[in-house]
């Protein structure tokens, strides 16, 4: 599954509301926004008539740290972070094919409890079995 390219989130144009908006961001979006802020500060300082070398060096150091934070967050992200619902279904389908029957039966139990029903299995041969969460598979009483 391809990971989407990380892009900085759009920022609110009004600085008075920016802090409140930033507080609602997820970890990656927050780190990306911080990186954008640092890069903007570097550009502003580089355009100034007088440049503070120590301040510029500090900003470059912070930019390096922010970049490392973004890379760490992306590296630690799960395979489904940012995935579309179709990508999640595809991943789940491929993953479930490798599950042992015991795990699949757990999903039957959860599904049956959620919908207050039962799972009835009918084999191609016509054999019928019902899944009982407490007892496992048993002949179906249809």
C-alpha atoms as a PDB file:
ATOM      1  CA  UNK A   1       0.000   0.000   0.000  1.00  0.00           C
ATOM      2  CA  UNK A   2       1.427   3.356  -0.965  1.00  0.00           C
ATOM      3  CA  UNK A   3       1.841   5.955   1.736  1.00  0.00           C
ATOM      4  CA  UNK A   4       0.578   9.384   0.793  1.00  0.00           C
ATOM      5  CA  UNK A   5       3.151  12.176   0.641  1.00  0.00           C
ATOM      6  CA  UNK A   6       3.044  14.228   3.818  1.00  0.00           C
ATOM      7  CA  UNK A   7       1.984  17.799   3.195  1.00  0.00           C
ATOM      8  CA  UNK A   8       1.605  20.657   5.609  1.00  0.00           C
ATOM      9  CA  UNK A   9      -1.982  21.275   6.661  1.00  0.00           C
ATOM     10  CA  UNK A  10      -3.594  24.540   5.594  1.00  0.00           C
ATOM     11  CA  UNK A  11      -3.148  27.265   8.191  1.00  0.00           C
ATOM     12  CA  UNK A  12      -5.746  29.712   9.366  1.00  0.00           C
ATOM     13  CA  UNK A  13      -5.031  33.177   7.982  1.00  0.00           C
ATOM     14  CA  UNK A  14      -5.850  34.928  11.279  1.00  0.00           C
ATOM     15  CA  UNK A  15      -3.019  34.612  13.770  1.00  0.00           C
ATOM     16  CA  UNK A  16      -5.395  35.238  16.693  1.00  0.00           C
ATOM     17  CA  UNK A  17      -7.170  31.934  15.933  1.00  0.00           C
ATOM     18  CA  UNK A  18      -4.142  29.935  14.812  1.00  0.00           C
ATOM     19  CA  UNK A  19      -3.189  28.586  18.270  1.00  0.00           C
ATOM     20  CA  UNK A  20      -6.697  27.233  18.901  1.00  0.00           C
ATOM     21  CA  UNK A  21      -6.733  25.627  15.437  1.00  0.00           C
ATOM     22  CA  UNK A  22      -3.269  24.102  15.914  1.00  0.00           C
ATOM     23  CA  UNK A  23      -4.398  22.509  19.194  1.00  0.00           C
ATOM     24  CA  UNK A  24      -6.935  20.411  17.250  1.00  0.00           C
ATOM     25  CA  UNK A  25      -4.331  18.918  14.898  1.00  0.00           C
ATOM     26  CA  UNK A  26      -3.104  15.366  15.026  1.00  0.00           C
ATOM     27  CA  UNK A  27       0.529  14.610  15.798  1.00  0.00           C
ATOM     28  CA  UNK A  28       1.753  14.555  12.177  1.00  0.00           C
ATOM     29  CA  UNK A  29      -0.185  17.640  11.095  1.00  0.00           C
ATOM     30  CA  UNK A  30       1.038  19.521  14.168  1.00  0.00           C
ATOM     31  CA  UNK A  31       4.672  18.598  13.438  1.00  0.00           C
ATOM     32  CA  UNK A  32       4.285  19.566   9.783  1.00  0.00           C
ATOM     33  CA  UNK A  33       2.767  22.913  10.727  1.00  0.00           C
ATOM     34  CA  UNK A  34       5.633  23.540  13.158  1.00  0.00           C
ATOM     35  CA  UNK A  35       8.115  22.731  10.385  1.00  0.00           C
ATOM     36  CA  UNK A  36       6.375  25.244   8.089  1.00  0.00           C
ATOM     37  CA  UNK A  37       6.548  27.909  10.801  1.00  0.00           C
ATOM     38  CA  UNK A  38      10.276  27.348  11.272  1.00  0.00           C
ATOM     39  CA  UNK A  39      10.943  27.472   7.524  1.00  0.00           C
ATOM     40  CA  UNK A  40       8.938  30.718   7.262  1.00  0.00           C
ATOM     41  CA  UNK A  41      11.010  32.205  10.106  1.00  0.00           C
ATOM     42  CA  UNK A  42      14.235  31.202   8.330  1.00  0.00           C
ATOM     43  CA  UNK A  43      13.060  32.834   5.093  1.00  0.00           C
ATOM     44  CA  UNK A  44      12.032  35.992   6.944  1.00  0.00           C
ATOM     45  CA  UNK A  45      15.389  36.210   8.746  1.00  0.00           C
ATOM     46  CA  UNK A  46      17.333  35.602   5.521  1.00  0.00           C
ATOM     47  CA  UNK A  47      15.489  38.481   3.807  1.00  0.00           C
ATOM     48  CA  UNK A  48      16.219  40.904   6.662  1.00  0.00           C
ATOM     49  CA  UNK A  49      18.816  43.629   6.162  1.00  0.00           C
ATOM     50  CA  UNK A  50      20.712  42.531   9.245  1.00  0.00           C
ATOM     51  CA  UNK A  51      20.925  38.838  10.015  1.00  0.00           C
ATOM     52  CA  UNK A  52      21.506  37.450  13.484  1.00  0.00           C
ATOM     53  CA  UNK A  53      23.869  34.516  12.847  1.00  0.00           C
ATOM     54  CA  UNK A  54      23.159  32.834  16.197  1.00  0.00           C
ATOM     55  CA  UNK A  55      19.399  33.149  15.669  1.00  0.00           C
ATOM     56  CA  UNK A  56      19.680  31.760  12.157  1.00  0.00           C
ATOM     57  CA  UNK A  57      21.794  28.839  13.385  1.00  0.00           C
ATOM     58  CA  UNK A  58      19.217  28.131  16.090  1.00  0.00           C
ATOM     59  CA  UNK A  59      16.425  28.119  13.514  1.00  0.00           C
ATOM     60  CA  UNK A  60      18.341  25.708  11.276  1.00  0.00           C
ATOM     61  CA  UNK A  61      18.837  23.437  14.290  1.00  0.00           C
ATOM     62  CA  UNK A  62      15.116  23.587  15.081  1.00  0.00           C
ATOM     63  CA  UNK A  63      14.311  22.880  11.420  1.00  0.00           C
ATOM     64  CA  UNK A  64      16.517  19.785  11.548  1.00  0.00           C
ATOM     65  CA  UNK A  65      14.779  18.646  14.762  1.00  0.00           C
ATOM     66  CA  UNK A  66      11.327  19.290  13.265  1.00  0.00           C
ATOM     67  CA  UNK A  67      12.257  17.274  10.175  1.00  0.00           C
ATOM     68  CA  UNK A  68      13.457  14.422  12.405  1.00  0.00           C
ATOM     69  CA  UNK A  69      10.149  14.561  14.317  1.00  0.00           C
ATOM     70  CA  UNK A  70       8.153  14.324  11.082  1.00  0.00           C
ATOM     71  CA  UNK A  71      10.258  11.385   9.884  1.00  0.00           C
ATOM     72  CA  UNK A  72       9.868   9.635  13.258  1.00  0.00           C
ATOM     73  CA  UNK A  73       6.092  10.084  13.243  1.00  0.00           C
ATOM     74  CA  UNK A  74       5.842   8.741   9.683  1.00  0.00           C
ATOM     75  CA  UNK A  75       8.129   5.800  10.497  1.00  0.00           C
ATOM     76  CA  UNK A  76       6.041   4.904  13.564  1.00  0.00           C
ATOM     77  CA  UNK A  77       2.728   5.273  11.759  1.00  0.00           C
ATOM     78  CA  UNK A  78       0.741   2.116  11.217  1.00  0.00           C
ATOM     79  CA  UNK A  79       0.112   0.723   7.755  1.00  0.00           C
ATOM     80  CA  UNK A  80      -3.433   2.099   7.752  1.00  0.00           C
ATOM     81  CA  UNK A  81      -2.764   5.676   8.856  1.00  0.00           C
ATOM     82  CA  UNK A  82      -4.177   7.922   6.150  1.00  0.00           C
ATOM     83  CA  UNK A  83      -5.568   4.985   4.153  1.00  0.00           C
ATOM     84  CA  UNK A  84      -8.876   5.260   2.327  1.00  0.00           C
ATOM     85  CA  UNK A  85     -11.744   2.927   3.248  1.00  0.00           C
ATOM     86  CA  UNK A  86     -11.069   0.883   0.081  1.00  0.00           C
ATOM     87  CA  UNK A  87      -7.404   0.504   1.055  1.00  0.00           C
ATOM     88  CA  UNK A  88      -8.426  -0.573   4.564  1.00  0.00           C
ATOM     89  CA  UNK A  89     -10.843  -3.178   3.150  1.00  0.00           C
ATOM     90  CA  UNK A  90      -8.136  -4.496   0.821  1.00  0.00           C
ATOM     91  CA  UNK A  91      -5.605  -4.730   3.663  1.00  0.00           C
ATOM     92  CA  UNK A  92      -8.123  -6.405   5.971  1.00  0.00           C
ATOM     93  CA  UNK A  93      -9.143  -8.916   3.312  1.00  0.00           C
ATOM     94  CA  UNK A  94      -5.528  -9.913   2.591  1.00  0.00           C
ATOM     95  CA  UNK A  95      -4.763 -10.067   6.288  1.00  0.00           C
ATOM     96  CA  UNK A  96      -7.834 -12.147   7.208  1.00  0.00           C
ATOM     97  CA  UNK A  97      -6.958 -14.779   4.581  1.00  0.00           C
ATOM     98  CA  UNK A  98      -3.929 -15.687   6.711  1.00  0.00           C
ATOM     99  CA  UNK A  99      -5.778 -15.798  10.044  1.00  0.00           C
ATOM    100  CA  UNK A 100      -6.216 -19.160  11.754  1.00  0.00           C
ATOM    101  CA  UNK A 101      -9.821 -20.357  12.194  1.00  0.00           C
ATOM    102  CA  UNK A 102      -9.666 -19.431  15.884  1.00  0.00           C
ATOM    103  CA  UNK A 103      -9.323 -15.726  14.989  1.00  0.00           C
ATOM    104  CA  UNK A 104     -12.046 -15.866  12.362  1.00  0.00           C
ATOM    105  CA  UNK A 105     -14.361 -17.470  14.919  1.00  0.00           C
ATOM    106  CA  UNK A 106     -13.706 -14.526  17.257  1.00  0.00           C
ATOM    107  CA  UNK A 107     -14.999 -12.205  14.549  1.00  0.00           C
ATOM    108  CA  UNK A 108     -18.110 -14.404  14.183  1.00  0.00           C
ATOM    109  CA  UNK A 109     -18.663 -14.111  17.954  1.00  0.00           C
ATOM    110  CA  UNK A 110     -18.362 -10.325  17.893  1.00  0.00           C
ATOM    111  CA  UNK A 111     -20.609 -10.033  14.838  1.00  0.00           C
ATOM    112  CA  UNK A 112     -23.253 -12.325  16.368  1.00  0.00           C
ATOM    113  CA  UNK A 113     -23.252 -10.430  19.667  1.00  0.00           C
ATOM    114  CA  UNK A 114     -23.385  -7.051  17.950  1.00  0.00           C
ATOM    115  CA  UNK A 115     -26.394  -7.986  15.832  1.00  0.00           C
ATOM    116  CA  UNK A 116     -27.965 -10.375  18.349  1.00  0.00           C
ATOM    117  CA  UNK A 117     -27.885 -13.236  15.894  1.00  0.00           C
ATOM    118  CA  UNK A 118     -26.018 -16.378  14.933  1.00  0.00           C
ATOM    119  CA  UNK A 119     -23.696 -17.467  12.173  1.00  0.00           C
ATOM    120  CA  UNK A 120     -24.919 -20.379  10.066  1.00  0.00           C
ATOM    121  CA  UNK A 121     -22.396 -22.150   7.814  1.00  0.00           C
ATOM    122  CA  UNK A 122     -23.587 -24.222   4.877  1.00  0.00           C
ATOM    123  CA  UNK A 123     -20.868 -26.216   3.099  1.00  0.00           C
ATOM    124  CA  UNK A 124     -20.982 -26.992  -0.610  1.00  0.00           C
ATOM    125  CA  UNK A 125     -21.853 -30.569   0.354  1.00  0.00           C
ATOM    126  CA  UNK A 126     -24.987 -29.312   2.136  1.00  0.00           C
ATOM    127  CA  UNK A 127     -23.628 -29.878   5.659  1.00  0.00           C
ATOM    128  CA  UNK A 128     -24.918 -27.202   8.031  1.00  0.00           C
ATOM    129  CA  UNK A 129     -23.195 -25.951  11.145  1.00  0.00           C
ATOM    130  CA  UNK A 130     -23.949 -23.151  13.562  1.00  0.00           C
ATOM    131  CA  UNK A 131     -21.304 -21.198  15.449  1.00  0.00           C
ATOM    132  CA  UNK A 132     -22.008 -20.914  19.174  1.00  0.00           C
ATOM    133  CA  UNK A 133     -19.551 -18.537  20.878  1.00  0.00           C
ATOM    134  CA  UNK A 134     -19.557 -20.660  24.050  1.00  0.00           C
ATOM    135  CA  UNK A 135     -19.354 -24.117  22.449  1.00  0.00           C
ATOM    136  CA  UNK A 136     -17.821 -23.473  19.034  1.00  0.00           C
ATOM    137  CA  UNK A 137     -19.231 -25.158  15.934  1.00  0.00           C
ATOM    138  CA  UNK A 138     -22.151 -27.569  16.299  1.00  0.00           C
ATOM    139  CA  UNK A 139     -24.665 -29.128  13.924  1.00  0.00           C
ATOM    140  CA  UNK A 140     -27.242 -26.590  12.852  1.00  0.00           C
ATOM    141  CA  UNK A 141     -30.802 -26.900  14.085  1.00  0.00           C
ATOM    142  CA  UNK A 142     -32.644 -25.316  11.192  1.00  0.00           C
END
